[in-house]
């Protein structure tokens, strides 16, 4: 597997977001990509903005480079500069990889509830992470997907 440490860290961020209710579709500060950026930048979720450690409000700029809505993704690589670049680079992923993660999360099958939609999105994200990190161990994939099961209490380690 390529960069298992980054894979583990990313799954941990998403598990925390899912169980702490800071994961939301269609919110640039709270989607899968938004949570990954926020965690790596040290930002806390506050709704439409993040709060930094020094209590200032921070806006997402990564979404100027790519943004998914209504099953389509807009990509503007020319905006991969300044704060957008800093936010994306903090994740350890290229902007193209992070765009794939976001697309997988946002375009997942909706299901019967928001929670089911989020769960489906996270399952799609794990599949994309497997591709990005060249994971071929189905046991690892199954284990990581099981961490999002709210009916049993698994902790991320």
C-alpha atoms as a PDB file:
ATOM      1  CA  UNK A   1       0.000   0.000   0.000  1.00  0.00           C
ATOM      2  CA  UNK A   2       1.184   3.474  -0.868  1.00  0.00           C
ATOM      3  CA  UNK A   3       1.338   5.877   2.126  1.00  0.00           C
ATOM      4  CA  UNK A   4      -0.564   3.817   4.709  1.00  0.00           C
ATOM      5  CA  UNK A   5       0.013   6.532   7.321  1.00  0.00           C
ATOM      6  CA  UNK A   6      -1.901   9.098   5.222  1.00  0.00           C
ATOM      7  CA  UNK A   7      -4.638   6.542   4.477  1.00  0.00           C
ATOM      8  CA  UNK A   8      -5.033   5.801   8.209  1.00  0.00           C
ATOM      9  CA  UNK A   9      -5.057   9.490   9.114  1.00  0.00           C
ATOM     10  CA  UNK A  10      -7.678  10.311   6.471  1.00  0.00           C
ATOM     11  CA  UNK A  11      -9.990   7.502   7.552  1.00  0.00           C
ATOM     12  CA  UNK A  12      -9.567   8.624  11.173  1.00  0.00           C
ATOM     13  CA  UNK A  13     -10.560  12.190  10.265  1.00  0.00           C
ATOM     14  CA  UNK A  14     -13.661  10.958   8.454  1.00  0.00           C
ATOM     15  CA  UNK A  15     -14.656   8.555  11.251  1.00  0.00           C
ATOM     16  CA  UNK A  16     -14.402  11.413  13.765  1.00  0.00           C
ATOM     17  CA  UNK A  17     -16.419  13.734  11.508  1.00  0.00           C
ATOM     18  CA  UNK A  18     -19.126  11.113  10.985  1.00  0.00           C
ATOM     19  CA  UNK A  19     -19.556  10.325  14.672  1.00  0.00           C
ATOM     20  CA  UNK A  20     -19.209  13.967  15.800  1.00  0.00           C
ATOM     21  CA  UNK A  21     -21.843  15.150  13.293  1.00  0.00           C
ATOM     22  CA  UNK A  22     -19.467  17.544  11.539  1.00  0.00           C
ATOM     23  CA  UNK A  23     -19.856  15.722   8.222  1.00  0.00           C
ATOM     24  CA  UNK A  24     -22.446  17.160   5.848  1.00  0.00           C
ATOM     25  CA  UNK A  25     -23.126  16.975   2.149  1.00  0.00           C
ATOM     26  CA  UNK A  26     -23.059  20.191   0.120  1.00  0.00           C
ATOM     27  CA  UNK A  27     -21.123  22.213   2.729  1.00  0.00           C
ATOM     28  CA  UNK A  28     -17.586  23.136   1.708  1.00  0.00           C
ATOM     29  CA  UNK A  29     -16.565  23.315   5.371  1.00  0.00           C
ATOM     30  CA  UNK A  30     -18.147  19.991   6.327  1.00  0.00           C
ATOM     31  CA  UNK A  31     -18.041  17.598   3.359  1.00  0.00           C
ATOM     32  CA  UNK A  32     -15.401  14.877   3.185  1.00  0.00           C
ATOM     33  CA  UNK A  33     -12.834  17.197   1.564  1.00  0.00           C
ATOM     34  CA  UNK A  34     -13.764  20.043   3.915  1.00  0.00           C
ATOM     35  CA  UNK A  35     -13.242  17.870   6.992  1.00  0.00           C
ATOM     36  CA  UNK A  36      -9.916  16.593   5.673  1.00  0.00           C
ATOM     37  CA  UNK A  37      -8.715  20.153   5.011  1.00  0.00           C
ATOM     38  CA  UNK A  38     -10.005  21.462   8.351  1.00  0.00           C
ATOM     39  CA  UNK A  39      -8.354  18.679  10.367  1.00  0.00           C
ATOM     40  CA  UNK A  40      -5.019  19.190   8.637  1.00  0.00           C
ATOM     41  CA  UNK A  41      -5.166  22.982   9.011  1.00  0.00           C
ATOM     42  CA  UNK A  42      -6.188  22.778  12.688  1.00  0.00           C
ATOM     43  CA  UNK A  43      -9.583  24.379  12.044  1.00  0.00           C
ATOM     44  CA  UNK A  44     -12.788  23.649  13.978  1.00  0.00           C
ATOM     45  CA  UNK A  45     -16.161  23.376  12.248  1.00  0.00           C
ATOM     46  CA  UNK A  46     -18.541  26.272  12.973  1.00  0.00           C
ATOM     47  CA  UNK A  47     -20.984  26.045  10.089  1.00  0.00           C
ATOM     48  CA  UNK A  48     -20.232  28.106   6.989  1.00  0.00           C
ATOM     49  CA  UNK A  49     -16.694  28.901   8.133  1.00  0.00           C
ATOM     50  CA  UNK A  50     -13.994  27.293  10.249  1.00  0.00           C
ATOM     51  CA  UNK A  51     -12.449  28.671  13.433  1.00  0.00           C
ATOM     52  CA  UNK A  52      -8.675  28.576  13.747  1.00  0.00           C
ATOM     53  CA  UNK A  53      -6.735  28.005  16.955  1.00  0.00           C
ATOM     54  CA  UNK A  54      -6.367  31.777  17.422  1.00  0.00           C
ATOM     55  CA  UNK A  55     -10.189  32.108  17.219  1.00  0.00           C
ATOM     56  CA  UNK A  56     -10.314  33.813  13.818  1.00  0.00           C
ATOM     57  CA  UNK A  57     -12.763  32.601  11.234  1.00  0.00           C
ATOM     58  CA  UNK A  58     -11.312  30.899   8.173  1.00  0.00           C
ATOM     59  CA  UNK A  59     -13.054  30.385   4.857  1.00  0.00           C
ATOM     60  CA  UNK A  60     -12.603  27.400   2.556  1.00  0.00           C
ATOM     61  CA  UNK A  61     -10.563  28.318  -0.500  1.00  0.00           C
ATOM     62  CA  UNK A  62      -9.890  24.778  -1.717  1.00  0.00           C
ATOM     63  CA  UNK A  63     -13.348  24.818  -3.326  1.00  0.00           C
ATOM     64  CA  UNK A  64     -12.164  27.460  -5.812  1.00  0.00           C
ATOM     65  CA  UNK A  65     -10.058  24.713  -7.418  1.00  0.00           C
ATOM     66  CA  UNK A  66     -12.829  22.086  -7.580  1.00  0.00           C
ATOM     67  CA  UNK A  67     -16.433  21.855  -6.457  1.00  0.00           C
ATOM     68  CA  UNK A  68     -19.029  19.124  -6.911  1.00  0.00           C
ATOM     69  CA  UNK A  69     -22.724  19.860  -7.227  1.00  0.00           C
ATOM     70  CA  UNK A  70     -25.598  17.989  -8.828  1.00  0.00           C
ATOM     71  CA  UNK A  71     -23.367  15.106  -9.922  1.00  0.00           C
ATOM     72  CA  UNK A  72     -21.022  17.415 -11.826  1.00  0.00           C
ATOM     73  CA  UNK A  73     -17.656  18.682 -10.787  1.00  0.00           C
ATOM     74  CA  UNK A  74     -16.260  22.054 -11.775  1.00  0.00           C
ATOM     75  CA  UNK A  75     -12.471  22.142 -11.893  1.00  0.00           C
ATOM     76  CA  UNK A  76     -10.419  25.342 -12.118  1.00  0.00           C
ATOM     77  CA  UNK A  77      -6.738  24.402 -11.705  1.00  0.00           C
ATOM     78  CA  UNK A  78      -5.682  28.025 -12.299  1.00  0.00           C
ATOM     79  CA  UNK A  79      -7.033  28.787  -8.795  1.00  0.00           C
ATOM     80  CA  UNK A  80      -4.618  26.291  -7.226  1.00  0.00           C
ATOM     81  CA  UNK A  81      -2.614  29.141  -5.682  1.00  0.00           C
ATOM     82  CA  UNK A  82      -2.399  31.011  -2.384  1.00  0.00           C
ATOM     83  CA  UNK A  83      -4.763  29.905   0.366  1.00  0.00           C
ATOM     84  CA  UNK A  84      -6.417  27.274  -1.850  1.00  0.00           C
ATOM     85  CA  UNK A  85      -3.052  25.619  -2.495  1.00  0.00           C
ATOM     86  CA  UNK A  86      -2.116  25.834   1.190  1.00  0.00           C
ATOM     87  CA  UNK A  87      -5.377  24.185   2.254  1.00  0.00           C
ATOM     88  CA  UNK A  88      -5.170  21.412  -0.340  1.00  0.00           C
ATOM     89  CA  UNK A  89      -1.462  20.739   0.197  1.00  0.00           C
ATOM     90  CA  UNK A  90      -2.018  20.412   3.970  1.00  0.00           C
ATOM     91  CA  UNK A  91      -3.964  17.205   3.296  1.00  0.00           C
ATOM     92  CA  UNK A  92      -1.092  15.276   1.722  1.00  0.00           C
ATOM     93  CA  UNK A  93      -3.155  14.744  -1.433  1.00  0.00           C
ATOM     94  CA  UNK A  94      -2.854  16.371  -4.827  1.00  0.00           C
ATOM     95  CA  UNK A  95      -5.771  18.604  -5.776  1.00  0.00           C
ATOM     96  CA  UNK A  96      -6.834  15.945  -8.291  1.00  0.00           C
ATOM     97  CA  UNK A  97      -6.894  13.231  -5.598  1.00  0.00           C
ATOM     98  CA  UNK A  98      -8.828  15.419  -3.168  1.00  0.00           C
ATOM     99  CA  UNK A  99     -11.262  16.241  -5.994  1.00  0.00           C
ATOM    100  CA  UNK A 100     -11.860  12.496  -6.487  1.00  0.00           C
ATOM    101  CA  UNK A 101     -12.512  12.080  -2.751  1.00  0.00           C
ATOM    102  CA  UNK A 102     -15.007  14.938  -2.789  1.00  0.00           C
ATOM    103  CA  UNK A 103     -16.738  13.669  -5.927  1.00  0.00           C
ATOM    104  CA  UNK A 104     -17.119  10.174  -4.429  1.00  0.00           C
ATOM    105  CA  UNK A 105     -18.665  11.597  -1.257  1.00  0.00           C
ATOM    106  CA  UNK A 106     -20.999  14.100  -2.905  1.00  0.00           C
ATOM    107  CA  UNK A 107     -22.313  11.844  -5.668  1.00  0.00           C
ATOM    108  CA  UNK A 108     -23.037   8.753  -3.564  1.00  0.00           C
ATOM    109  CA  UNK A 109     -26.473   7.179  -3.622  1.00  0.00           C
ATOM    110  CA  UNK A 110     -28.776   9.278  -1.415  1.00  0.00           C
ATOM    111  CA  UNK A 111     -30.664   6.543   0.427  1.00  0.00           C
ATOM    112  CA  UNK A 112     -33.644   7.118   2.742  1.00  0.00           C
ATOM    113  CA  UNK A 113     -32.007   9.541   5.194  1.00  0.00           C
ATOM    114  CA  UNK A 114     -29.141  12.017   5.454  1.00  0.00           C
ATOM    115  CA  UNK A 115     -27.258   9.525   7.608  1.00  0.00           C
ATOM    116  CA  UNK A 116     -27.635   6.804   4.980  1.00  0.00           C
ATOM    117  CA  UNK A 117     -26.459   9.248   2.298  1.00  0.00           C
ATOM    118  CA  UNK A 118     -23.405  10.104   4.407  1.00  0.00           C
ATOM    119  CA  UNK A 119     -22.671   6.451   5.047  1.00  0.00           C
ATOM    120  CA  UNK A 120     -22.926   5.669   1.320  1.00  0.00           C
ATOM    121  CA  UNK A 121     -20.637   8.602   0.575  1.00  0.00           C
ATOM    122  CA  UNK A 122     -18.059   7.363   3.045  1.00  0.00           C
ATOM    123  CA  UNK A 123     -18.145   3.870   1.541  1.00  0.00           C
ATOM    124  CA  UNK A 124     -17.438   5.464  -1.854  1.00  0.00           C
ATOM    125  CA  UNK A 125     -14.609   7.507  -0.336  1.00  0.00           C
ATOM    126  CA  UNK A 126     -12.970   4.355   1.044  1.00  0.00           C
ATOM    127  CA  UNK A 127     -13.130   2.851  -2.459  1.00  0.00           C
ATOM    128  CA  UNK A 128     -11.413   5.964  -3.862  1.00  0.00           C
ATOM    129  CA  UNK A 129      -8.800   5.923  -1.085  1.00  0.00           C
ATOM    130  CA  UNK A 130      -8.081   2.295  -1.985  1.00  0.00           C
ATOM    131  CA  UNK A 131      -7.339   3.407  -5.551  1.00  0.00           C
ATOM    132  CA  UNK A 132      -5.274   6.446  -4.529  1.00  0.00           C
ATOM    133  CA  UNK A 133      -3.234   4.448  -2.011  1.00  0.00           C
ATOM    134  CA  UNK A 134      -3.051   1.328  -4.187  1.00  0.00           C
ATOM    135  CA  UNK A 135      -4.618  -0.818  -1.484  1.00  0.00           C
ATOM    136  CA  UNK A 136      -5.388  -4.305  -2.740  1.00  0.00           C
ATOM    137  CA  UNK A 137      -5.961  -5.871   0.690  1.00  0.00           C
ATOM    138  CA  UNK A 138      -9.722  -6.426   0.892  1.00  0.00           C
ATOM    139  CA  UNK A 139      -9.396  -7.159   4.631  1.00  0.00           C
ATOM    140  CA  UNK A 140      -8.151  -3.581   5.187  1.00  0.00           C
ATOM    141  CA  UNK A 141     -10.988  -2.198   3.071  1.00  0.00           C
ATOM    142  CA  UNK A 142     -13.599  -4.204   4.997  1.00  0.00           C
ATOM    143  CA  UNK A 143     -12.088  -3.191   8.342  1.00  0.00           C
ATOM    144  CA  UNK A 144     -12.040   0.509   7.431  1.00  0.00           C
ATOM    145  CA  UNK A 145     -15.583   0.454   6.098  1.00  0.00           C
ATOM    146  CA  UNK A 146     -16.776  -1.226   9.318  1.00  0.00           C
ATOM    147  CA  UNK A 147     -15.486   1.749  11.359  1.00  0.00           C
ATOM    148  CA  UNK A 148     -18.446   3.783  10.054  1.00  0.00           C
ATOM    149  CA  UNK A 149     -21.049   1.327  11.359  1.00  0.00           C
ATOM    150  CA  UNK A 150     -23.045   3.152  14.032  1.00  0.00           C
ATOM    151  CA  UNK A 151     -24.712  -0.037  15.278  1.00  0.00           C
ATOM    152  CA  UNK A 152     -21.505  -1.356  16.820  1.00  0.00           C
ATOM    153  CA  UNK A 153     -18.907   0.598  18.731  1.00  0.00           C
ATOM    154  CA  UNK A 154     -15.609   0.302  16.933  1.00  0.00           C
ATOM    155  CA  UNK A 155     -12.886   2.764  17.731  1.00  0.00           C
ATOM    156  CA  UNK A 156     -10.334   3.946  15.216  1.00  0.00           C
ATOM    157  CA  UNK A 157      -6.787   2.937  16.054  1.00  0.00           C
END
